[in-house]
């Protein structure tokens, strides 16, 4: 396993995974490791905060009106943010003009970028598509706010009403009614977590904190999802791929060719998935106690909700004489809700058309090689499309897409665009793909072979997930 890890890692110049030192690797540790390996100060021991974009170093510490907020800048301090800069600023000319005000120095020749596999040539696929998307967004008549925000608001209201009926109201004691309410609240919380994830792409805002109600951390997921998964999908630098190891393997390791792998996969899907939120909370608490990461107020947002529910039930409905029974009732129901939410959220995420045998994963070389340049580099946008499939039955409705990681190709290419606007961009994607002769990456015809399939139903995505977790052959 170690040998194959090293081989995969070599494709991306020995990136993050090998430098994590804590006993329970977390996204925060991943980011610290990236900061060390990017080493943008070089041999200089300067403590000046710097951000690297391409071959230049910038000091953004005085950029107080950054549209994404101060937290994003603080999190990415002393790292290479080239891919983030390119993929989050659609009016790239304006962004480069602003960025130039903070230029400090050029990088030395002995400081090559660790992720230099990717290119953003101005006449390349992604840059051409981005320019047309930027022009298109200016022509769309929008209400001035994210239309998908209504989905977050509605789900939050539904969750609060359902929780009041489930946790606070003592007159609901029927086991069947309780079970239905627990399942309903759990699914609602899972949908809320999915829809809220859009907002930690955008910047600092209150909606992203609704994600923390699911026992997961918006701060950590901003690292694992925005900084890692969205930039390097299906690679060893994708924390959301390697975080499930050794229980679930998505990369094509040869050691997966054994009798026990299907059993491990079944165990992960049925037993581990419902408990992921609890495992994350316990791990986070241990790392805080051991001093590996710092405490943040939103880490305990779920606990505030539990305590408020308990206090209301105990003092407003059952009285102070029955505090212990109130605590047990709240705890039991909240546990089931979180198990359902965790199970639903993880399944929705893993079935977003990433993990299927016909989709590229780190270790697969042949399929991506034909679209690479002679020096082995590849356009970042083309790379994204290799790592994402298309689900027409989900992507055709933006509301469904908002709660199911829909329009996933476009979401990866343009993560800060309102999900409600993504369907308007799909014709542009097809147009530019045709110009660059890569339309087969987003559309298929009746002659497309199963090994090159790019379009999937939800059921095919789930079956493909199981097959990919067992796949050990490299394409």
Protein backbone atom coordinates (compact mmCIF):
# COMPACT_ATOMS: atom_id res chain seq x y z
CA UNK A 1 0.00 0.00 0.00
CA UNK A 2 2.75 2.45 0.94
CA UNK A 3 4.56 1.78 -2.32
CA UNK A 4 1.46 2.48 -4.37
CA UNK A 5 0.67 5.59 -2.34
CA UNK A 6 4.12 6.92 -3.16
CA UNK A 7 3.67 6.10 -6.83
CA UNK A 8 0.37 7.94 -7.01
CA UNK A 9 1.77 10.83 -5.02
CA UNK A 10 4.69 11.19 -7.43
CA UNK A 11 2.22 12.23 -10.13
CA UNK A 12 1.61 15.38 -8.11
CA UNK A 13 5.14 15.78 -6.70
CA UNK A 14 4.75 14.20 -3.26
CA UNK A 15 1.91 16.35 -2.07
CA UNK A 16 0.03 16.56 1.16
CA UNK A 17 -0.82 13.14 2.54
CA UNK A 18 2.63 12.03 3.71
CA UNK A 19 3.26 15.08 5.93
CA UNK A 20 0.32 14.81 8.33
CA UNK A 21 1.66 14.12 11.82
CA UNK A 22 -1.38 14.09 14.09
CA UNK A 23 -2.83 10.74 15.23
CA UNK A 24 -6.21 11.65 13.67
CA UNK A 25 -5.63 13.40 10.33
CA UNK A 26 -8.13 16.19 9.73
CA UNK A 27 -8.70 18.81 7.04
CA UNK A 28 -6.99 21.40 9.21
CA UNK A 29 -3.92 19.17 9.41
CA UNK A 30 -4.17 18.70 5.63
CA UNK A 31 -4.00 22.47 5.16
CA UNK A 32 -1.03 22.79 7.52
CA UNK A 33 0.71 20.06 5.57
CA UNK A 34 0.00 21.84 2.29
CA UNK A 35 1.43 25.02 3.76
CA UNK A 36 4.68 23.22 4.59
CA UNK A 37 5.00 21.52 1.23
CA UNK A 38 4.14 24.62 -0.80
CA UNK A 39 6.99 26.30 1.10
CA UNK A 40 6.44 29.62 -0.63
CA UNK A 41 9.07 31.36 1.51
CA UNK A 42 11.74 28.95 0.24
CA UNK A 43 14.96 29.09 2.27
CA UNK A 44 13.96 32.51 3.59
CA UNK A 45 12.73 32.28 7.19
CA UNK A 46 10.58 35.38 6.85
CA UNK A 47 7.31 35.37 8.81
CA UNK A 48 5.66 37.78 6.38
CA UNK A 49 2.29 36.39 5.22
CA UNK A 50 2.36 35.62 1.51
CA UNK A 51 0.07 34.09 -1.09
CA UNK A 52 1.38 32.51 -4.29
CA UNK A 53 -0.41 32.89 -7.63
CA UNK A 54 1.42 31.30 -10.57
CA UNK A 55 5.03 32.51 -10.36
CA UNK A 56 4.44 35.57 -8.18
CA UNK A 57 4.14 36.21 -4.45
CA UNK A 58 1.59 38.62 -3.02
CA UNK A 59 0.90 40.07 0.42
CA UNK A 60 -2.89 40.14 0.78
CA UNK A 61 -2.92 40.88 4.50
CA UNK A 62 -4.07 44.45 3.81
CA UNK A 63 -6.83 43.36 1.41
CA UNK A 64 -9.57 44.13 3.92
CA UNK A 65 -12.46 44.35 1.46
CA UNK A 66 -11.88 40.97 -0.18
CA UNK A 67 -15.27 39.81 -1.58
CA UNK A 68 -14.80 36.32 -0.14
CA UNK A 69 -14.18 37.63 3.36
CA UNK A 70 -11.17 37.69 5.65
CA UNK A 71 -11.48 34.06 6.77
CA UNK A 72 -10.70 32.70 3.30
CA UNK A 73 -7.55 34.80 3.10
CA UNK A 74 -6.46 33.82 6.59
CA UNK A 75 -6.99 30.12 5.85
CA UNK A 76 -4.95 30.20 2.63
CA UNK A 77 -2.10 32.32 3.99
CA UNK A 78 1.36 31.05 2.98
CA UNK A 79 -0.03 28.65 0.38
CA UNK A 80 -0.17 28.42 -3.39
CA UNK A 81 -3.67 29.60 -4.35
CA UNK A 82 -3.25 29.59 -8.14
CA UNK A 83 -6.10 27.17 -8.86
CA UNK A 84 -8.41 28.87 -6.34
CA UNK A 85 -7.68 32.27 -7.84
CA UNK A 86 -8.30 31.09 -11.40
CA UNK A 87 -11.51 29.15 -10.65
CA UNK A 88 -13.19 31.67 -8.34
CA UNK A 89 -12.69 34.88 -10.35
CA UNK A 90 -14.62 34.79 -13.60
CA UNK A 91 -13.71 38.34 -14.60
CA UNK A 92 -10.06 37.35 -14.52
CA UNK A 93 -8.80 40.63 -16.01
CA UNK A 94 -10.38 42.66 -13.22
CA UNK A 95 -9.11 40.21 -10.59
CA UNK A 96 -5.55 40.38 -11.94
CA UNK A 97 -5.67 44.18 -11.88
CA UNK A 98 -6.65 44.16 -8.21
CA UNK A 99 -4.12 41.44 -7.40
CA UNK A 100 -1.24 43.38 -8.98
CA UNK A 101 -1.55 46.03 -6.27
CA UNK A 102 -0.30 43.50 -3.70
CA UNK A 103 2.68 42.12 -5.65
CA UNK A 104 5.76 41.52 -3.52
CA UNK A 105 8.18 39.50 -5.65
CA UNK A 106 8.59 36.85 -8.29
CA UNK A 107 9.26 33.27 -7.21
CA UNK A 108 12.77 31.96 -7.58
CA UNK A 109 13.50 29.37 -10.26
CA UNK A 110 14.30 26.77 -7.59
CA UNK A 111 10.72 27.10 -6.26
CA UNK A 112 8.51 25.31 -8.82
CA UNK A 113 4.80 24.94 -8.09
CA UNK A 114 3.79 21.62 -6.55
CA UNK A 115 0.64 21.42 -8.68
CA UNK A 116 2.28 22.52 -11.94
CA UNK A 117 0.44 19.67 -13.68
CA UNK A 118 -2.41 22.10 -14.43
CA UNK A 119 -2.43 24.96 -16.94
CA UNK A 120 -4.59 28.05 -17.41
CA UNK A 121 -3.43 29.25 -20.81
CA UNK A 122 -5.46 32.24 -21.95
CA UNK A 123 -6.30 30.47 -25.22
CA UNK A 124 -6.97 27.16 -23.41
CA UNK A 125 -10.29 25.45 -22.80
CA UNK A 126 -11.01 26.76 -19.30
CA UNK A 127 -10.01 30.35 -19.96
CA UNK A 128 -12.14 30.52 -23.12
CA UNK A 129 -15.14 28.99 -21.34
CA UNK A 130 -14.69 31.27 -18.32
CA UNK A 131 -14.69 34.39 -20.51
CA UNK A 132 -17.95 33.38 -22.18
CA UNK A 133 -19.52 32.44 -18.85
CA UNK A 134 -18.54 35.83 -17.43
CA UNK A 135 -20.19 37.60 -20.37
CA UNK A 136 -23.29 35.40 -20.08
CA UNK A 137 -23.73 36.05 -16.36
CA UNK A 138 -23.77 39.79 -17.05
CA UNK A 139 -26.74 39.35 -19.41
CA UNK A 140 -28.86 37.21 -17.07
CA UNK A 141 -31.59 39.04 -15.19
CA UNK A 142 -31.17 38.05 -11.56
CA UNK A 143 -32.90 39.38 -8.42
CA UNK A 144 -29.58 40.57 -6.97
CA UNK A 145 -29.21 37.67 -4.55
CA UNK A 146 -28.70 33.92 -4.77
CA UNK A 147 -32.03 32.35 -5.75
CA UNK A 148 -30.82 29.09 -4.20
CA UNK A 149 -30.71 30.87 -0.82
CA UNK A 150 -34.46 30.28 -0.64
CA UNK A 151 -33.77 26.54 -0.53
CA UNK A 152 -31.55 26.97 2.54
CA UNK A 153 -34.11 29.20 4.24
CA UNK A 154 -37.01 26.82 3.58
CA UNK A 155 -35.09 23.73 4.71
CA UNK A 156 -33.95 25.49 7.88
CA UNK A 157 -37.53 26.46 8.71
CA UNK A 158 -38.78 22.92 8.00
CA UNK A 159 -36.02 21.50 10.21
CA UNK A 160 -36.93 23.78 13.12
CA UNK A 161 -40.63 22.94 12.87
CA UNK A 162 -39.93 19.21 12.58
CA UNK A 163 -37.49 19.35 15.50
CA UNK A 164 -40.03 21.16 17.64
CA UNK A 165 -42.58 18.41 17.00
CA UNK A 166 -40.02 15.65 17.50
CA UNK A 167 -37.91 16.83 20.41
CA UNK A 168 -39.93 19.44 22.24
CA UNK A 169 -43.50 18.22 22.17
CA UNK A 170 -43.96 15.48 24.81
CA UNK A 171 -47.41 14.43 23.60
CA UNK A 172 -45.98 12.66 20.51
CA UNK A 173 -45.14 9.21 21.87
CA UNK A 174 -46.29 6.85 19.11
CA UNK A 175 -43.22 4.84 17.98
CA UNK A 176 -44.28 4.89 14.32
CA UNK A 177 -44.92 8.65 14.35
CA UNK A 178 -41.61 9.27 16.11
CA UNK A 179 -39.76 7.11 13.58
CA UNK A 180 -41.29 8.99 10.65
CA UNK A 181 -40.47 12.35 12.24
CA UNK A 182 -36.89 11.27 12.96
CA UNK A 183 -36.44 10.15 9.37
CA UNK A 184 -38.05 13.32 8.03
CA UNK A 185 -35.85 15.60 10.16
CA UNK A 186 -32.75 13.57 9.27
CA UNK A 187 -33.36 13.80 5.52
CA UNK A 188 -34.17 17.52 5.85
CA UNK A 189 -30.88 18.06 7.69
CA UNK A 190 -28.99 16.13 5.01
CA UNK A 191 -30.55 18.28 2.26
CA UNK A 192 -29.76 21.41 4.28
CA UNK A 193 -26.11 20.41 4.60
CA UNK A 194 -25.87 19.83 0.83
CA UNK A 195 -27.54 23.13 -0.09
CA UNK A 196 -25.52 25.07 2.53
CA UNK A 197 -22.23 23.84 1.09
CA UNK A 198 -22.57 26.32 -1.81
CA UNK A 199 -22.09 29.16 0.63
CA UNK A 200 -18.68 28.27 1.96
CA UNK A 201 -17.54 28.39 -1.67
CA UNK A 202 -18.76 31.97 -1.92
CA UNK A 203 -17.30 33.55 1.19
CA UNK A 204 -18.08 34.39 4.80
CA UNK A 205 -21.85 34.37 5.37
CA UNK A 206 -24.33 33.05 7.91
CA UNK A 207 -25.88 30.40 5.64
CA UNK A 208 -22.72 28.30 5.57
CA UNK A 209 -22.98 27.83 9.34
CA UNK A 210 -26.25 25.90 8.93
CA UNK A 211 -23.94 23.13 7.68
CA UNK A 212 -22.56 22.84 11.23
CA UNK A 213 -25.92 21.62 12.51
CA UNK A 214 -25.08 18.28 10.86
CA UNK A 215 -22.17 17.60 13.29
CA UNK A 216 -19.76 18.42 10.47
CA UNK A 217 -17.70 21.61 10.41
CA UNK A 218 -18.12 24.25 7.70
CA UNK A 219 -14.58 25.41 8.50
CA UNK A 220 -13.11 21.95 7.96
CA UNK A 221 -15.27 21.24 4.93
CA UNK A 222 -14.18 24.51 3.36
CA UNK A 223 -10.69 23.01 3.43
CA UNK A 224 -11.52 19.45 2.42
CA UNK A 225 -14.12 20.42 -0.18
CA UNK A 226 -13.16 23.85 -1.56
CA UNK A 227 -9.37 23.79 -1.22
CA UNK A 228 -8.85 20.06 -1.78
CA UNK A 229 -11.67 18.21 -3.55
CA UNK A 230 -12.76 20.95 -5.93
CA UNK A 231 -9.22 21.71 -7.04
CA UNK A 232 -7.82 18.16 -7.21
CA UNK A 233 -10.84 15.80 -7.60
CA UNK A 234 -10.26 12.03 -7.48
CA UNK A 235 -6.53 12.44 -6.86
CA UNK A 236 -4.32 11.72 -3.87
CA UNK A 237 -4.60 15.42 -3.05
CA UNK A 238 -8.39 15.04 -2.74
CA UNK A 239 -8.99 14.73 1.01
CA UNK A 240 -12.53 13.50 0.40
CA UNK A 241 -11.08 10.47 -1.39
CA UNK A 242 -8.35 9.51 1.06
CA UNK A 243 -10.32 10.35 4.25
CA UNK A 244 -12.34 7.14 3.95
CA UNK A 245 -9.24 4.93 3.86
CA UNK A 246 -8.64 2.25 5.12
CA UNK A 247 -12.38 1.47 5.25
CA UNK A 248 -13.27 2.50 1.71
CA UNK A 249 -10.82 2.81 -1.18
CA UNK A 250 -11.72 4.73 -4.33
CA UNK A 251 -8.31 4.75 -5.98
CA UNK A 252 -7.35 1.65 -8.03
CA UNK A 253 -4.93 0.00 -5.62
CA UNK A 254 -3.86 -3.53 -6.61
CA UNK A 255 -4.28 -4.84 -3.03
CA UNK A 256 -8.07 -4.37 -3.39
CA UNK A 257 -8.14 -7.64 -5.35
CA UNK A 258 -9.03 -9.79 -2.34
CA UNK A 259 -11.97 -11.56 -0.73
CA UNK A 260 -12.38 -9.08 2.15
CA UNK A 261 -12.72 -5.86 0.13
CA UNK A 262 -16.47 -6.27 -0.64
CA UNK A 263 -17.09 -6.96 3.06
CA UNK A 264 -15.20 -3.80 4.06
CA UNK A 265 -17.15 -1.78 1.51
CA UNK A 266 -20.47 -3.09 2.81
CA UNK A 267 -19.39 -2.36 6.39
CA UNK A 268 -18.46 1.22 5.50
CA UNK A 269 -21.73 1.90 3.67
CA UNK A 270 -24.04 0.40 6.29
CA UNK A 271 -22.24 0.98 9.61
CA UNK A 272 -19.71 3.80 9.20
CA UNK A 273 -21.74 6.20 7.05
CA UNK A 274 -24.52 6.79 9.63
CA UNK A 275 -21.88 7.56 12.28
CA UNK A 276 -19.58 9.82 10.25
CA UNK A 277 -20.90 12.97 11.93
CA UNK A 278 -20.27 11.56 15.41
CA UNK A 279 -16.79 10.31 14.44
CA UNK A 280 -15.93 13.76 13.06
CA UNK A 281 -17.10 15.48 16.23
CA UNK A 282 -15.16 13.11 18.50
CA UNK A 283 -12.02 13.40 16.37
CA UNK A 284 -12.28 17.19 16.29
CA UNK A 285 -12.70 17.33 20.08
CA UNK A 286 -9.65 15.11 20.64
CA UNK A 287 -7.49 17.22 18.32
CA UNK A 288 -8.57 20.38 20.15
CA UNK A 289 -7.80 18.79 23.53
CA UNK A 290 -4.34 17.68 22.31
CA UNK A 291 -3.56 21.11 20.88
CA UNK A 292 -3.40 20.16 17.21
CA UNK A 293 -6.19 22.52 16.16
CA UNK A 294 -7.80 25.60 17.69
CA UNK A 295 -11.35 25.77 18.97
CA UNK A 296 -13.88 27.69 16.87
CA UNK A 297 -17.32 28.72 18.10
CA UNK A 298 -19.19 27.06 15.22
CA UNK A 299 -17.70 23.68 16.17
CA UNK A 300 -20.30 23.61 18.96
CA UNK A 301 -23.28 24.97 17.03
CA UNK A 302 -24.98 21.57 17.11
CA UNK A 303 -24.57 21.47 20.90
CA UNK A 304 -26.24 24.86 21.32
CA UNK A 305 -29.21 23.44 19.42
CA UNK A 306 -29.36 20.34 21.65
CA UNK A 307 -29.09 22.33 24.89
CA UNK A 308 -31.78 24.78 23.74
CA UNK A 309 -34.07 21.86 22.85
CA UNK A 310 -33.42 20.20 26.20
CA UNK A 311 -34.02 23.36 28.20
CA UNK A 312 -37.28 24.12 26.40
CA UNK A 313 -38.57 20.58 26.81
CA UNK A 314 -37.54 20.33 30.47
CA UNK A 315 -38.75 23.72 31.68
CA UNK A 316 -41.69 24.43 29.37
CA UNK A 317 -43.29 21.00 28.96
CA UNK A 318 -42.19 18.41 31.52
CA UNK A 319 -41.03 20.52 34.46
CA UNK A 320 -37.76 20.57 36.40
CA UNK A 321 -38.64 17.39 38.31
CA UNK A 322 -38.08 15.26 35.23
CA UNK A 323 -34.81 16.65 33.88
CA UNK A 324 -33.14 13.24 33.45
CA UNK A 325 -35.96 11.77 31.39
CA UNK A 326 -36.02 14.91 29.25
CA UNK A 327 -32.30 14.55 28.59
CA UNK A 328 -32.70 10.88 27.58
CA UNK A 329 -35.64 11.66 25.28
CA UNK A 330 -33.83 14.53 23.55
CA UNK A 331 -30.60 12.53 23.25
CA UNK A 332 -32.25 9.44 21.74
CA UNK A 333 -34.21 11.35 19.14
CA UNK A 334 -31.32 13.63 18.23
CA UNK A 335 -29.05 10.59 17.79
CA UNK A 336 -31.41 8.98 15.27
CA UNK A 337 -31.85 12.26 13.38
CA UNK A 338 -28.09 12.70 13.07
CA UNK A 339 -27.57 9.09 11.95
CA UNK A 340 -30.14 9.52 9.18
CA UNK A 341 -28.65 12.90 8.20
CA UNK A 342 -25.10 11.53 8.10
CA UNK A 343 -26.13 8.48 6.09
CA UNK A 344 -28.06 10.65 3.63
CA UNK A 345 -25.44 13.37 3.27
CA UNK A 346 -22.54 10.97 2.67
CA UNK A 347 -24.51 8.94 0.14
CA UNK A 348 -25.65 12.04 -1.74
CA UNK A 349 -22.07 13.31 -1.83
CA UNK A 350 -20.43 10.07 -2.91
CA UNK A 351 -23.06 9.53 -5.62
CA UNK A 352 -22.40 12.89 -7.27
CA UNK A 353 -21.00 11.05 -10.34
CA UNK A 354 -17.38 11.10 -9.19
CA UNK A 355 -16.70 7.51 -8.21
CA UNK A 356 -17.51 5.27 -11.15
CA UNK A 357 -15.19 2.93 -13.05
CA UNK A 358 -15.39 5.01 -16.25
CA UNK A 359 -14.42 8.23 -14.41
CA UNK A 360 -10.74 9.09 -14.00
CA UNK A 361 -9.04 8.42 -10.65
CA UNK A 362 -5.44 8.94 -9.64
CA UNK A 363 -3.49 6.04 -11.10
CA UNK A 364 -5.49 6.01 -14.36
CA UNK A 365 -3.17 7.41 -17.00
CA UNK A 366 -4.22 6.32 -20.46
CA UNK A 367 -7.61 8.09 -20.69
CA UNK A 368 -6.28 11.44 -19.56
CA UNK A 369 -3.03 11.16 -21.49
CA UNK A 370 -4.64 11.75 -24.89
CA UNK A 371 -5.85 15.19 -23.74
CA UNK A 372 -2.57 16.23 -22.10
CA UNK A 373 0.07 18.47 -23.63
CA UNK A 374 3.44 17.12 -24.74
CA UNK A 375 5.04 18.15 -21.45
CA UNK A 376 2.46 16.13 -19.49
CA UNK A 377 0.44 19.14 -18.31
CA UNK A 378 -3.31 19.42 -18.80
CA UNK A 379 -5.82 22.25 -18.87
CA UNK A 380 -7.40 22.49 -15.42
CA UNK A 381 -10.93 22.63 -16.81
CA UNK A 382 -10.40 19.51 -18.93
CA UNK A 383 -9.01 17.73 -15.88
CA UNK A 384 -12.14 18.62 -13.90
CA UNK A 385 -14.35 17.11 -16.57
CA UNK A 386 -12.39 13.87 -16.51
CA UNK A 387 -13.14 13.51 -12.81
CA UNK A 388 -16.89 14.28 -12.94
CA UNK A 389 -19.82 12.56 -14.64
CA UNK A 390 -23.21 13.90 -15.72
CA UNK A 391 -26.62 12.98 -14.26
CA UNK A 392 -29.38 14.31 -16.56
CA UNK A 393 -32.28 13.24 -14.34
CA UNK A 394 -30.87 15.33 -11.48
CA UNK A 395 -29.26 18.20 -13.39
CA UNK A 396 -32.39 19.29 -15.28
CA UNK A 397 -33.98 20.93 -12.22
CA UNK A 398 -31.96 23.50 -10.26
CA UNK A 399 -33.94 23.00 -7.03
CA UNK A 400 -33.24 19.26 -7.06
CA UNK A 401 -29.65 20.08 -8.02
CA UNK A 402 -29.32 22.33 -4.96
CA UNK A 403 -29.96 19.42 -2.58
CA UNK A 404 -28.13 16.70 -4.53
CA UNK A 405 -24.85 18.22 -5.76
CA UNK A 406 -26.44 18.53 -9.21
CA UNK A 407 -25.01 20.22 -12.32
CA UNK A 408 -21.77 18.84 -10.93
CA UNK A 409 -19.54 19.46 -13.94
CA UNK A 410 -20.48 23.13 -14.07
CA UNK A 411 -20.36 23.41 -10.29
CA UNK A 412 -16.76 22.18 -10.32
CA UNK A 413 -15.81 24.56 -13.10
CA UNK A 414 -17.63 27.56 -11.57
CA UNK A 415 -18.15 26.83 -7.86
CA UNK A 416 -19.24 30.32 -6.78
CA UNK A 417 -22.07 30.65 -9.32
CA UNK A 418 -25.61 30.40 -7.94
CA UNK A 419 -26.87 26.83 -8.65
CA UNK A 420 -30.05 28.39 -10.04
CA UNK A 421 -27.99 29.93 -12.87
CA UNK A 422 -25.92 26.89 -13.82
CA UNK A 423 -28.50 25.48 -16.31
CA UNK A 424 -28.09 28.69 -18.34
CA UNK A 425 -24.38 27.92 -18.74
CA UNK A 426 -24.68 24.38 -20.06
CA UNK A 427 -25.12 25.41 -23.74
CA UNK A 428 -21.88 27.40 -23.44
CA UNK A 429 -20.12 24.33 -22.04
CA UNK A 430 -21.24 22.23 -25.00
CA UNK A 431 -20.25 24.97 -27.43
CA UNK A 432 -16.69 25.33 -26.11
CA UNK A 433 -16.29 21.56 -25.77
CA UNK A 434 -17.19 21.23 -29.45
CA UNK A 435 -14.63 23.88 -30.40
CA UNK A 436 -11.90 22.04 -28.48
CA UNK A 437 -13.11 18.66 -29.78
CA UNK A 438 -13.82 17.24 -26.32
CA UNK A 439 -17.62 17.10 -26.44
CA UNK A 440 -17.48 13.37 -25.64
CA UNK A 441 -16.58 14.35 -22.05
CA UNK A 442 -20.04 15.81 -21.45
CA UNK A 443 -22.28 14.00 -23.93
CA UNK A 444 -22.48 10.46 -25.21
CA UNK A 445 -24.31 8.70 -27.99
CA UNK A 446 -25.61 5.16 -28.38
CA UNK A 447 -22.19 3.92 -29.51
CA UNK A 448 -20.36 5.06 -26.37
CA UNK A 449 -18.69 2.09 -24.69
CA UNK A 450 -19.29 1.41 -20.96
CA UNK A 451 -15.63 2.14 -20.16
CA UNK A 452 -16.07 5.70 -21.49
CA UNK A 453 -19.57 6.38 -20.16
CA UNK A 454 -20.01 9.96 -18.91
CA UNK A 455 -23.78 10.15 -18.30
CA UNK A 456 -25.49 8.24 -15.48
CA UNK A 457 -28.80 7.80 -13.73
CA UNK A 458 -28.87 8.04 -9.93
CA UNK A 459 -29.10 4.25 -9.71
CA UNK A 460 -26.13 3.81 -12.08
CA UNK A 461 -24.15 6.24 -9.91
CA UNK A 462 -24.79 4.11 -6.82
CA UNK A 463 -23.89 0.84 -8.56
CA UNK A 464 -20.84 2.54 -10.04
CA UNK A 465 -19.79 3.66 -6.56
CA UNK A 466 -19.76 0.05 -5.39
CA UNK A 467 -17.85 -1.09 -8.48
CA UNK A 468 -15.28 1.70 -8.11
CA UNK A 469 -14.68 0.82 -4.46
CA UNK A 470 -13.70 -2.67 -5.67
CA UNK A 471 -11.84 -1.68 -8.86
CA UNK A 472 -8.10 -2.39 -8.78
CA UNK A 473 -7.28 -2.30 -12.50
CA UNK A 474 -5.86 0.97 -13.79
CA UNK A 475 -7.18 2.45 -17.03
